[in-house]
Amino acid sequence: MGRDDVFDDVVAHLVRTTPLSPEMSRRVVEEVVDQLREPLEARLRRRHRELQAQGLANAEIFPRLADELAARPVAAPPLTERQIRRAIYG
């Protein structure tokens, strides 16, 4: 069973319940899965760069990152600001 087959039921559900085409539904599912599979450190670094680009300072960014991690469907373990900083800066 390939990666495409694994999500056939989810794609079919989206096609039935939204105006999305089968192709667009599959793309949406694959993008969401890719986001959820992003390694924790990579996600923290990416979001840190995005939030800095919006003009936010680390004092605002670190609590926001902690909240985002806790709100994910498969939540990461709670991280302290120090752990977040270490994941971003090494």
PDB file of N, CA and C in Angstrom:
ATOM      1  N   MET A   1       0.851  -1.180   0.000  1.00  0.00           N
ATOM      2  CA  MET A   1       0.000   0.000   0.000  1.00  0.00           C
ATOM      3  C   MET A   1       0.892   1.237   0.000  1.00  0.00           C
ATOM      4  N   GLY A   2       0.743   2.105  -0.973  1.00  0.00           N
ATOM      5  CA  GLY A   2       1.543   3.311  -1.080  1.00  0.00           C
ATOM      6  C   GLY A   2       0.979   4.443  -0.247  1.00  0.00           C
ATOM      7  N   ARG A   3       1.757   5.510  -0.191  1.00  0.00           N
ATOM      8  CA  ARG A   3       1.337   6.672   0.587  1.00  0.00           C
ATOM      9  C   ARG A   3      -0.008   7.198   0.101  1.00  0.00           C
ATOM     10  N   ASP A   4      -0.226   7.202  -1.216  1.00  0.00           N
ATOM     11  CA  ASP A   4      -1.480   7.722  -1.753  1.00  0.00           C
ATOM     12  C   ASP A   4      -2.678   6.908  -1.278  1.00  0.00           C
ATOM     13  N   ASP A   5      -2.505   5.590  -1.156  1.00  0.00           N
ATOM     14  CA  ASP A   5      -3.600   4.716  -0.759  1.00  0.00           C
ATOM     15  C   ASP A   5      -4.010   4.911   0.696  1.00  0.00           C
ATOM     16  N   VAL A   6      -3.070   5.295   1.528  1.00  0.00           N
ATOM     17  CA  VAL A   6      -3.318   5.404   2.962  1.00  0.00           C
ATOM     18  C   VAL A   6      -4.409   6.429   3.261  1.00  0.00           C
ATOM     19  N   PHE A   7      -4.472   7.483   2.477  1.00  0.00           N
ATOM     20  CA  PHE A   7      -5.389   8.575   2.776  1.00  0.00           C
ATOM     21  C   PHE A   7      -6.614   8.604   1.865  1.00  0.00           C
ATOM     22  N   ASP A   8      -6.859   7.514   1.134  1.00  0.00           N
ATOM     23  CA  ASP A   8      -7.995   7.481   0.215  1.00  0.00           C
ATOM     24  C   ASP A   8      -9.319   7.785   0.917  1.00  0.00           C
ATOM     25  N   ASP A   9      -9.504   7.255   2.129  1.00  0.00           N
ATOM     26  CA  ASP A   9     -10.773   7.497   2.834  1.00  0.00           C
ATOM     27  C   ASP A   9     -10.914   8.962   3.233  1.00  0.00           C
ATOM     28  N   VAL A  10      -9.819   9.599   3.602  1.00  0.00           N
ATOM     29  CA  VAL A  10      -9.863  11.022   3.968  1.00  0.00           C
ATOM     30  C   VAL A  10     -10.133  11.864   2.723  1.00  0.00           C
ATOM     31  N   VAL A  11      -9.470  11.531   1.630  1.00  0.00           N
ATOM     32  CA  VAL A  11      -9.691  12.250   0.371  1.00  0.00           C
ATOM     33  C   VAL A  11     -11.145  12.085  -0.066  1.00  0.00           C
ATOM     34  N   ALA A  12     -11.667  10.880  -0.001  1.00  0.00           N
ATOM     35  CA  ALA A  12     -13.064  10.643  -0.386  1.00  0.00           C
ATOM     36  C   ALA A  12     -14.019  11.444   0.493  1.00  0.00           C
ATOM     37  N   HIS A  13     -13.721  11.526   1.780  1.00  0.00           N
ATOM     38  CA  HIS A  13     -14.561  12.316   2.695  1.00  0.00           C
ATOM     39  C   HIS A  13     -14.543  13.790   2.293  1.00  0.00           C
ATOM     40  N   LEU A  14     -13.362  14.328   1.985  1.00  0.00           N
ATOM     41  CA  LEU A  14     -13.284  15.732   1.577  1.00  0.00           C
ATOM     42  C   LEU A  14     -14.045  15.976   0.274  1.00  0.00           C
ATOM     43  N   VAL A  15     -13.969  15.052  -0.654  1.00  0.00           N
ATOM     44  CA  VAL A  15     -14.679  15.203  -1.924  1.00  0.00           C
ATOM     45  C   VAL A  15     -16.192  15.218  -1.684  1.00  0.00           C
ATOM     46  N   ARG A  16     -16.655  14.356  -0.764  1.00  0.00           N
ATOM     47  CA  ARG A  16     -18.096  14.297  -0.454  1.00  0.00           C
ATOM     48  C   ARG A  16     -18.588  15.528   0.298  1.00  0.00           C
ATOM     49  N   THR A  17     -17.751  16.097   1.136  1.00  0.00           N
ATOM     50  CA  THR A  17     -18.230  17.126   2.068  1.00  0.00           C
ATOM     51  C   THR A  17     -17.766  18.539   1.754  1.00  0.00           C
ATOM     52  N   THR A  18     -16.980  18.698   0.699  1.00  0.00           N
ATOM     53  CA  THR A  18     -16.505  20.031   0.304  1.00  0.00           C
ATOM     54  C   THR A  18     -16.609  20.161  -1.203  1.00  0.00           C
ATOM     55  N   PRO A  19     -16.440  21.365  -1.713  1.00  0.00           N
ATOM     56  CA  PRO A  19     -16.442  21.531  -3.172  1.00  0.00           C
ATOM     57  C   PRO A  19     -15.092  21.200  -3.818  1.00  0.00           C
ATOM     58  N   LEU A  20     -14.160  20.633  -3.061  1.00  0.00           N
ATOM     59  CA  LEU A  20     -12.843  20.324  -3.601  1.00  0.00           C
ATOM     60  C   LEU A  20     -12.884  19.131  -4.550  1.00  0.00           C
ATOM     61  N   SER A  21     -12.068  19.201  -5.574  1.00  0.00           N
ATOM     62  CA  SER A  21     -11.927  18.078  -6.508  1.00  0.00           C
ATOM     63  C   SER A  21     -11.114  16.979  -5.840  1.00  0.00           C
ATOM     64  N   PRO A  22     -11.140  15.768  -6.381  1.00  0.00           N
ATOM     65  CA  PRO A  22     -10.300  14.705  -5.814  1.00  0.00           C
ATOM     66  C   PRO A  22      -8.819  15.083  -5.806  1.00  0.00           C
ATOM     67  N   GLU A  23      -8.356  15.719  -6.872  1.00  0.00           N
ATOM     68  CA  GLU A  23      -6.945  16.107  -6.941  1.00  0.00           C
ATOM     69  C   GLU A  23      -6.598  17.136  -5.872  1.00  0.00           C
ATOM     70  N   MET A  24      -7.452  18.140  -5.725  1.00  0.00           N
ATOM     71  CA  MET A  24      -7.196  19.180  -4.719  1.00  0.00           C
ATOM     72  C   MET A  24      -7.331  18.597  -3.312  1.00  0.00           C
ATOM     73  N   SER A  25      -8.282  17.718  -3.112  1.00  0.00           N
ATOM     74  CA  SER A  25      -8.445  17.082  -1.801  1.00  0.00           C
ATOM     75  C   SER A  25      -7.195  16.300  -1.431  1.00  0.00           C
ATOM     76  N   ARG A  26      -6.651  15.538  -2.363  1.00  0.00           N
ATOM     77  CA  ARG A  26      -5.429  14.771  -2.096  1.00  0.00           C
ATOM     78  C   ARG A  26      -4.273  15.713  -1.766  1.00  0.00           C
ATOM     79  N   ARG A  27      -4.184  16.807  -2.505  1.00  0.00           N
ATOM     80  CA  ARG A  27      -3.108  17.776  -2.242  1.00  0.00           C
ATOM     81  C   ARG A  27      -3.246  18.366  -0.836  1.00  0.00           C
ATOM     82  N   VAL A  28      -4.456  18.718  -0.445  1.00  0.00           N
ATOM     83  CA  VAL A  28      -4.689  19.272   0.887  1.00  0.00           C
ATOM     84  C   VAL A  28      -4.280  18.262   1.962  1.00  0.00           C
ATOM     85  N   VAL A  29      -4.705  17.019   1.806  1.00  0.00           N
ATOM     86  CA  VAL A  29      -4.368  15.976   2.782  1.00  0.00           C
ATOM     87  C   VAL A  29      -2.861  15.803   2.868  1.00  0.00           C
ATOM     88  N   GLU A  30      -2.191  15.736   1.727  1.00  0.00           N
ATOM     89  CA  GLU A  30      -0.742  15.550   1.730  1.00  0.00           C
ATOM     90  C   GLU A  30      -0.023  16.734   2.380  1.00  0.00           C
ATOM     91  N   GLU A  31      -0.495  17.946   2.137  1.00  0.00           N
ATOM     92  CA  GLU A  31       0.126  19.129   2.749  1.00  0.00           C
ATOM     93  C   GLU A  31      -0.053  19.122   4.269  1.00  0.00           C
ATOM     94  N   VAL A  32      -1.242  18.753   4.734  1.00  0.00           N
ATOM     95  CA  VAL A  32      -1.486  18.698   6.179  1.00  0.00           C
ATOM     96  C   VAL A  32      -0.600  17.625   6.819  1.00  0.00           C
ATOM     97  N   VAL A  33      -0.532  16.471   6.209  1.00  0.00           N
ATOM     98  CA  VAL A  33       0.295  15.390   6.746  1.00  0.00           C
ATOM     99  C   VAL A  33       1.765  15.810   6.768  1.00  0.00           C
ATOM    100  N   ASP A  34       2.227  16.455   5.707  1.00  0.00           N
ATOM    101  CA  ASP A  34       3.614  16.922   5.682  1.00  0.00           C
ATOM    102  C   ASP A  34       3.882  17.910   6.816  1.00  0.00           C
ATOM    103  N   GLN A  35       2.936  18.792   7.093  1.00  0.00           N
ATOM    104  CA  GLN A  35       3.098  19.739   8.195  1.00  0.00           C
ATOM    105  C   GLN A  35       3.186  19.012   9.537  1.00  0.00           C
ATOM    106  N   LEU A  36       2.349  18.015   9.720  1.00  0.00           N
ATOM    107  CA  LEU A  36       2.346  17.281  10.983  1.00  0.00           C
ATOM    108  C   LEU A  36       3.590  16.420  11.154  1.00  0.00           C
ATOM    109  N   ARG A  37       4.214  16.045  10.052  1.00  0.00           N
ATOM    110  CA  ARG A  37       5.426  15.224  10.109  1.00  0.00           C
ATOM    111  C   ARG A  37       6.697  16.059  10.261  1.00  0.00           C
ATOM    112  N   GLU A  38       6.591  17.361  10.151  1.00  0.00           N
ATOM    113  CA  GLU A  38       7.774  18.220  10.254  1.00  0.00           C
ATOM    114  C   GLU A  38       8.435  18.009  11.615  1.00  0.00           C
ATOM    115  N   PRO A  39       9.735  17.724  11.631  1.00  0.00           N
ATOM    116  CA  PRO A  39      10.413  17.534  12.922  1.00  0.00           C
ATOM    117  C   PRO A  39      10.274  18.767  13.813  1.00  0.00           C
ATOM    118  N   LEU A  40      10.204  18.530  15.102  1.00  0.00           N
ATOM    119  CA  LEU A  40       9.963  19.592  16.074  1.00  0.00           C
ATOM    120  C   LEU A  40      10.946  20.744  15.924  1.00  0.00           C
ATOM    121  N   GLU A  41      12.241  20.436  15.868  1.00  0.00           N
ATOM    122  CA  GLU A  41      13.245  21.495  15.782  1.00  0.00           C
ATOM    123  C   GLU A  41      13.099  22.305  14.495  1.00  0.00           C
ATOM    124  N   ALA A  42      12.809  21.624  13.392  1.00  0.00           N
ATOM    125  CA  ALA A  42      12.633  22.320  12.116  1.00  0.00           C
ATOM    126  C   ALA A  42      11.414  23.235  12.181  1.00  0.00           C
ATOM    127  N   ARG A  43      10.344  22.756  12.799  1.00  0.00           N
ATOM    128  CA  ARG A  43       9.140  23.585  12.931  1.00  0.00           C
ATOM    129  C   ARG A  43       9.421  24.815  13.777  1.00  0.00           C
ATOM    130  N   LEU A  44      10.116  24.628  14.892  1.00  0.00           N
ATOM    131  CA  LEU A  44      10.425  25.765  15.758  1.00  0.00           C
ATOM    132  C   LEU A  44      11.278  26.798  15.030  1.00  0.00           C
ATOM    133  N   ARG A  45      12.284  26.337  14.306  1.00  0.00           N
ATOM    134  CA  ARG A  45      13.147  27.273  13.565  1.00  0.00           C
ATOM    135  C   ARG A  45      12.357  28.016  12.488  1.00  0.00           C
ATOM    136  N   ARG A  46      11.525  27.278  11.752  1.00  0.00           N
ATOM    137  CA  ARG A  46      10.740  27.906  10.686  1.00  0.00           C
ATOM    138  C   ARG A  46       9.779  28.944  11.242  1.00  0.00           C
ATOM    139  N   ARG A  47       9.035  28.552  12.276  1.00  0.00           N
ATOM    140  CA  ARG A  47       8.063  29.494  12.857  1.00  0.00           C
ATOM    141  C   ARG A  47       8.766  30.690  13.492  1.00  0.00           C
ATOM    142  N   HIS A  48       9.926  30.472  14.101  1.00  0.00           N
ATOM    143  CA  HIS A  48      10.693  31.569  14.689  1.00  0.00           C
ATOM    144  C   HIS A  48      11.051  32.590  13.600  1.00  0.00           C
ATOM    145  N   ARG A  49      11.558  32.100  12.466  1.00  0.00           N
ATOM    146  CA  ARG A  49      11.896  33.005  11.346  1.00  0.00           C
ATOM    147  C   ARG A  49      10.655  33.749  10.861  1.00  0.00           C
ATOM    148  N   GLU A  50       9.526  33.036  10.729  1.00  0.00           N
ATOM    149  CA  GLU A  50       8.298  33.672  10.247  1.00  0.00           C
ATOM    150  C   GLU A  50       7.837  34.764  11.206  1.00  0.00           C
ATOM    151  N   LEU A  51       7.872  34.484  12.492  1.00  0.00           N
ATOM    152  CA  LEU A  51       7.404  35.459  13.476  1.00  0.00           C
ATOM    153  C   LEU A  51       8.367  36.641  13.593  1.00  0.00           C
ATOM    154  N   GLN A  52       9.673  36.381  13.478  1.00  0.00           N
ATOM    155  CA  GLN A  52      10.639  37.485  13.459  1.00  0.00           C
ATOM    156  C   GLN A  52      10.388  38.385  12.255  1.00  0.00           C
ATOM    157  N   ALA A  53      10.075  37.780  11.114  1.00  0.00           N
ATOM    158  CA  ALA A  53       9.803  38.552   9.897  1.00  0.00           C
ATOM    159  C   ALA A  53       8.573  39.442  10.061  1.00  0.00           C
ATOM    160  N   GLN A  54       7.688  39.064  10.984  1.00  0.00           N
ATOM    161  CA  GLN A  54       6.503  39.888  11.277  1.00  0.00           C
ATOM    162  C   GLN A  54       6.827  40.988  12.281  1.00  0.00           C
ATOM    163  N   GLY A  55       8.082  41.034  12.736  1.00  0.00           N
ATOM    164  CA  GLY A  55       8.504  42.085  13.650  1.00  0.00           C
ATOM    165  C   GLY A  55       8.374  41.747  15.118  1.00  0.00           C
ATOM    166  N   LEU A  56       8.089  40.494  15.445  1.00  0.00           N
ATOM    167  CA  LEU A  56       7.956  40.109  16.848  1.00  0.00           C
ATOM    168  C   LEU A  56       9.327  39.858  17.469  1.00  0.00           C
ATOM    169  N   ALA A  57       9.440  40.146  18.755  1.00  0.00           N
ATOM    170  CA  ALA A  57      10.666  39.895  19.507  1.00  0.00           C
ATOM    171  C   ALA A  57      10.575  38.520  20.169  1.00  0.00           C
ATOM    172  N   ASN A  58      11.734  37.983  20.543  1.00  0.00           N
ATOM    173  CA  ASN A  58      11.773  36.658  21.161  1.00  0.00           C
ATOM    174  C   ASN A  58      10.883  36.563  22.393  1.00  0.00           C
ATOM    175  N   ALA A  59      10.761  37.630  23.165  1.00  0.00           N
ATOM    176  CA  ALA A  59       9.910  37.613  24.357  1.00  0.00           C
ATOM    177  C   ALA A  59       8.456  37.325  23.997  1.00  0.00           C
ATOM    178  N   GLU A  60       8.046  37.692  22.794  1.00  0.00           N
ATOM    179  CA  GLU A  60       6.692  37.396  22.319  1.00  0.00           C
ATOM    180  C   GLU A  60       6.648  36.055  21.581  1.00  0.00           C
ATOM    181  N   ILE A  61       7.737  35.730  20.914  1.00  0.00           N
ATOM    182  CA  ILE A  61       7.776  34.543  20.062  1.00  0.00           C
ATOM    183  C   ILE A  61       7.779  33.252  20.879  1.00  0.00           C
ATOM    184  N   PHE A  62       8.631  33.161  21.892  1.00  0.00           N
ATOM    185  CA  PHE A  62       8.779  31.895  22.615  1.00  0.00           C
ATOM    186  C   PHE A  62       7.477  31.427  23.272  1.00  0.00           C
ATOM    187  N   PRO A  63       6.734  32.286  23.971  1.00  0.00           N
ATOM    188  CA  PRO A  63       5.444  31.818  24.518  1.00  0.00           C
ATOM    189  C   PRO A  63       4.451  31.421  23.418  1.00  0.00           C
ATOM    190  N   ARG A  64       4.482  32.135  22.316  1.00  0.00           N
ATOM    191  CA  ARG A  64       3.586  31.808  21.206  1.00  0.00           C
ATOM    192  C   ARG A  64       3.922  30.433  20.636  1.00  0.00           C
ATOM    193  N   LEU A  65       5.219  30.143  20.471  1.00  0.00           N
ATOM    194  CA  LEU A  65       5.626  28.832  19.973  1.00  0.00           C
ATOM    195  C   LEU A  65       5.181  27.724  20.926  1.00  0.00           C
ATOM    196  N   ALA A  66       5.332  27.954  22.217  1.00  0.00           N
ATOM    197  CA  ALA A  66       4.903  26.957  23.204  1.00  0.00           C
ATOM    198  C   ALA A  66       3.398  26.707  23.085  1.00  0.00           C
ATOM    199  N   ASP A  67       2.620  27.768  22.921  1.00  0.00           N
ATOM    200  CA  ASP A  67       1.166  27.629  22.759  1.00  0.00           C
ATOM    201  C   ASP A  67       0.814  26.885  21.473  1.00  0.00           C
ATOM    202  N   GLU A  68       1.518  27.202  20.385  1.00  0.00           N
ATOM    203  CA  GLU A  68       1.260  26.524  19.115  1.00  0.00           C
ATOM    204  C   GLU A  68       1.539  25.035  19.222  1.00  0.00           C
ATOM    205  N   LEU A  69       2.637  24.682  19.880  1.00  0.00           N
ATOM    206  CA  LEU A  69       2.972  23.265  20.031  1.00  0.00           C
ATOM    207  C   LEU A  69       1.907  22.532  20.844  1.00  0.00           C
ATOM    208  N   ALA A  70       1.432  23.159  21.888  1.00  0.00           N
ATOM    209  CA  ALA A  70       0.421  22.532  22.746  1.00  0.00           C
ATOM    210  C   ALA A  70      -0.909  22.359  22.027  1.00  0.00           C
ATOM    211  N   ALA A  71      -1.186  23.201  21.041  1.00  0.00           N
ATOM    212  CA  ALA A  71      -2.474  23.162  20.342  1.00  0.00           C
ATOM    213  C   ALA A  71      -2.478  22.214  19.150  1.00  0.00           C
ATOM    214  N   ARG A  72      -1.337  21.648  18.794  1.00  0.00           N
ATOM    215  CA  ARG A  72      -1.283  20.735  17.642  1.00  0.00           C
ATOM    216  C   ARG A  72      -2.098  19.480  17.929  1.00  0.00           C
ATOM    217  N   PRO A  73      -2.681  18.884  16.873  1.00  0.00           N
ATOM    218  CA  PRO A  73      -3.480  17.662  17.067  1.00  0.00           C
ATOM    219  C   PRO A  73      -2.707  16.546  17.776  1.00  0.00           C
ATOM    220  N   VAL A  74      -1.439  16.422  17.433  1.00  0.00           N
ATOM    221  CA  VAL A  74      -0.558  15.495  18.144  1.00  0.00           C
ATOM    222  C   VAL A  74       0.467  16.391  18.820  1.00  0.00           C
ATOM    223  N   ALA A  75       0.130  16.802  20.023  1.00  0.00           N
ATOM    224  CA  ALA A  75       0.929  17.818  20.707  1.00  0.00           C
ATOM    225  C   ALA A  75       2.302  17.291  21.081  1.00  0.00           C
ATOM    226  N   ALA A  76       3.268  18.182  20.952  1.00  0.00           N
ATOM    227  CA  ALA A  76       4.613  17.888  21.442  1.00  0.00           C
ATOM    228  C   ALA A  76       4.581  17.977  22.960  1.00  0.00           C
ATOM    229  N   PRO A  77       5.553  17.385  23.630  1.00  0.00           N
ATOM    230  CA  PRO A  77       5.596  17.552  25.079  1.00  0.00           C
ATOM    231  C   PRO A  77       5.799  19.024  25.411  1.00  0.00           C
ATOM    232  N   PRO A  78       5.299  19.477  26.546  1.00  0.00           N
ATOM    233  CA  PRO A  78       5.486  20.885  26.906  1.00  0.00           C
ATOM    234  C   PRO A  78       6.981  21.223  26.963  1.00  0.00           C
ATOM    235  N   LEU A  79       7.343  22.349  26.359  1.00  0.00           N
ATOM    236  CA  LEU A  79       8.731  22.793  26.350  1.00  0.00           C
ATOM    237  C   LEU A  79       8.856  24.117  27.091  1.00  0.00           C
ATOM    238  N   THR A  80       9.947  24.282  27.796  1.00  0.00           N
ATOM    239  CA  THR A  80      10.225  25.558  28.448  1.00  0.00           C
ATOM    240  C   THR A  80      10.774  26.521  27.399  1.00  0.00           C
ATOM    241  N   GLU A  81      10.807  27.815  27.751  1.00  0.00           N
ATOM    242  CA  GLU A  81      11.392  28.787  26.831  1.00  0.00           C
ATOM    243  C   GLU A  81      12.845  28.438  26.551  1.00  0.00           C
ATOM    244  N   ARG A  82      13.546  27.938  27.543  1.00  0.00           N
ATOM    245  CA  ARG A  82      14.946  27.561  27.358  1.00  0.00           C
ATOM    246  C   ARG A  82      15.073  26.426  26.338  1.00  0.00           C
ATOM    247  N   GLN A  83      14.191  25.435  26.413  1.00  0.00           N
ATOM    248  CA  GLN A  83      14.228  24.328  25.460  1.00  0.00           C
ATOM    249  C   GLN A  83      13.903  24.812  24.043  1.00  0.00           C
ATOM    250  N   ILE A  84      12.966  25.736  23.936  1.00  0.00           N
ATOM    251  CA  ILE A  84      12.620  26.296  22.632  1.00  0.00           C
ATOM    252  C   ILE A  84      13.809  27.076  22.079  1.00  0.00           C
ATOM    253  N   ARG A  85      14.397  27.909  22.897  1.00  0.00           N
ATOM    254  CA  ARG A  85      15.565  28.696  22.481  1.00  0.00           C
ATOM    255  C   ARG A  85      16.696  27.779  22.015  1.00  0.00           C
ATOM    256  N   ARG A  86      16.928  26.711  22.775  1.00  0.00           N
ATOM    257  CA  ARG A  86      17.995  25.774  22.436  1.00  0.00           C
ATOM    258  C   ARG A  86      17.707  25.060  21.114  1.00  0.00           C
ATOM    259  N   ALA A  87      16.449  24.708  20.862  1.00  0.00           N
ATOM    260  CA  ALA A  87      16.084  24.059  19.604  1.00  0.00           C
ATOM    261  C   ALA A  87      16.299  25.000  18.412  1.00  0.00           C
ATOM    262  N   ILE A  88      16.069  26.283  18.625  1.00  0.00           N
ATOM    263  CA  ILE A  88      16.210  27.266  17.544  1.00  0.00           C
ATOM    264  C   ILE A  88      17.671  27.604  17.300  1.00  0.00           C
ATOM    265  N   TYR A  89      18.393  27.897  18.364  1.00  0.00           N
ATOM    266  CA  TYR A  89      19.755  28.410  18.226  1.00  0.00           C
ATOM    267  C   TYR A  89      20.837  27.343  18.391  1.00  0.00           C
ATOM    268  N   GLY A  90      20.464  26.168  18.857  1.00  0.00           N
ATOM    269  CA  GLY A  90      21.444  25.086  19.013  1.00  0.00           C
ATOM    270  C   GLY A  90      22.153  25.054  20.330  1.00  0.00           C
TER     271      GLY A  90
END
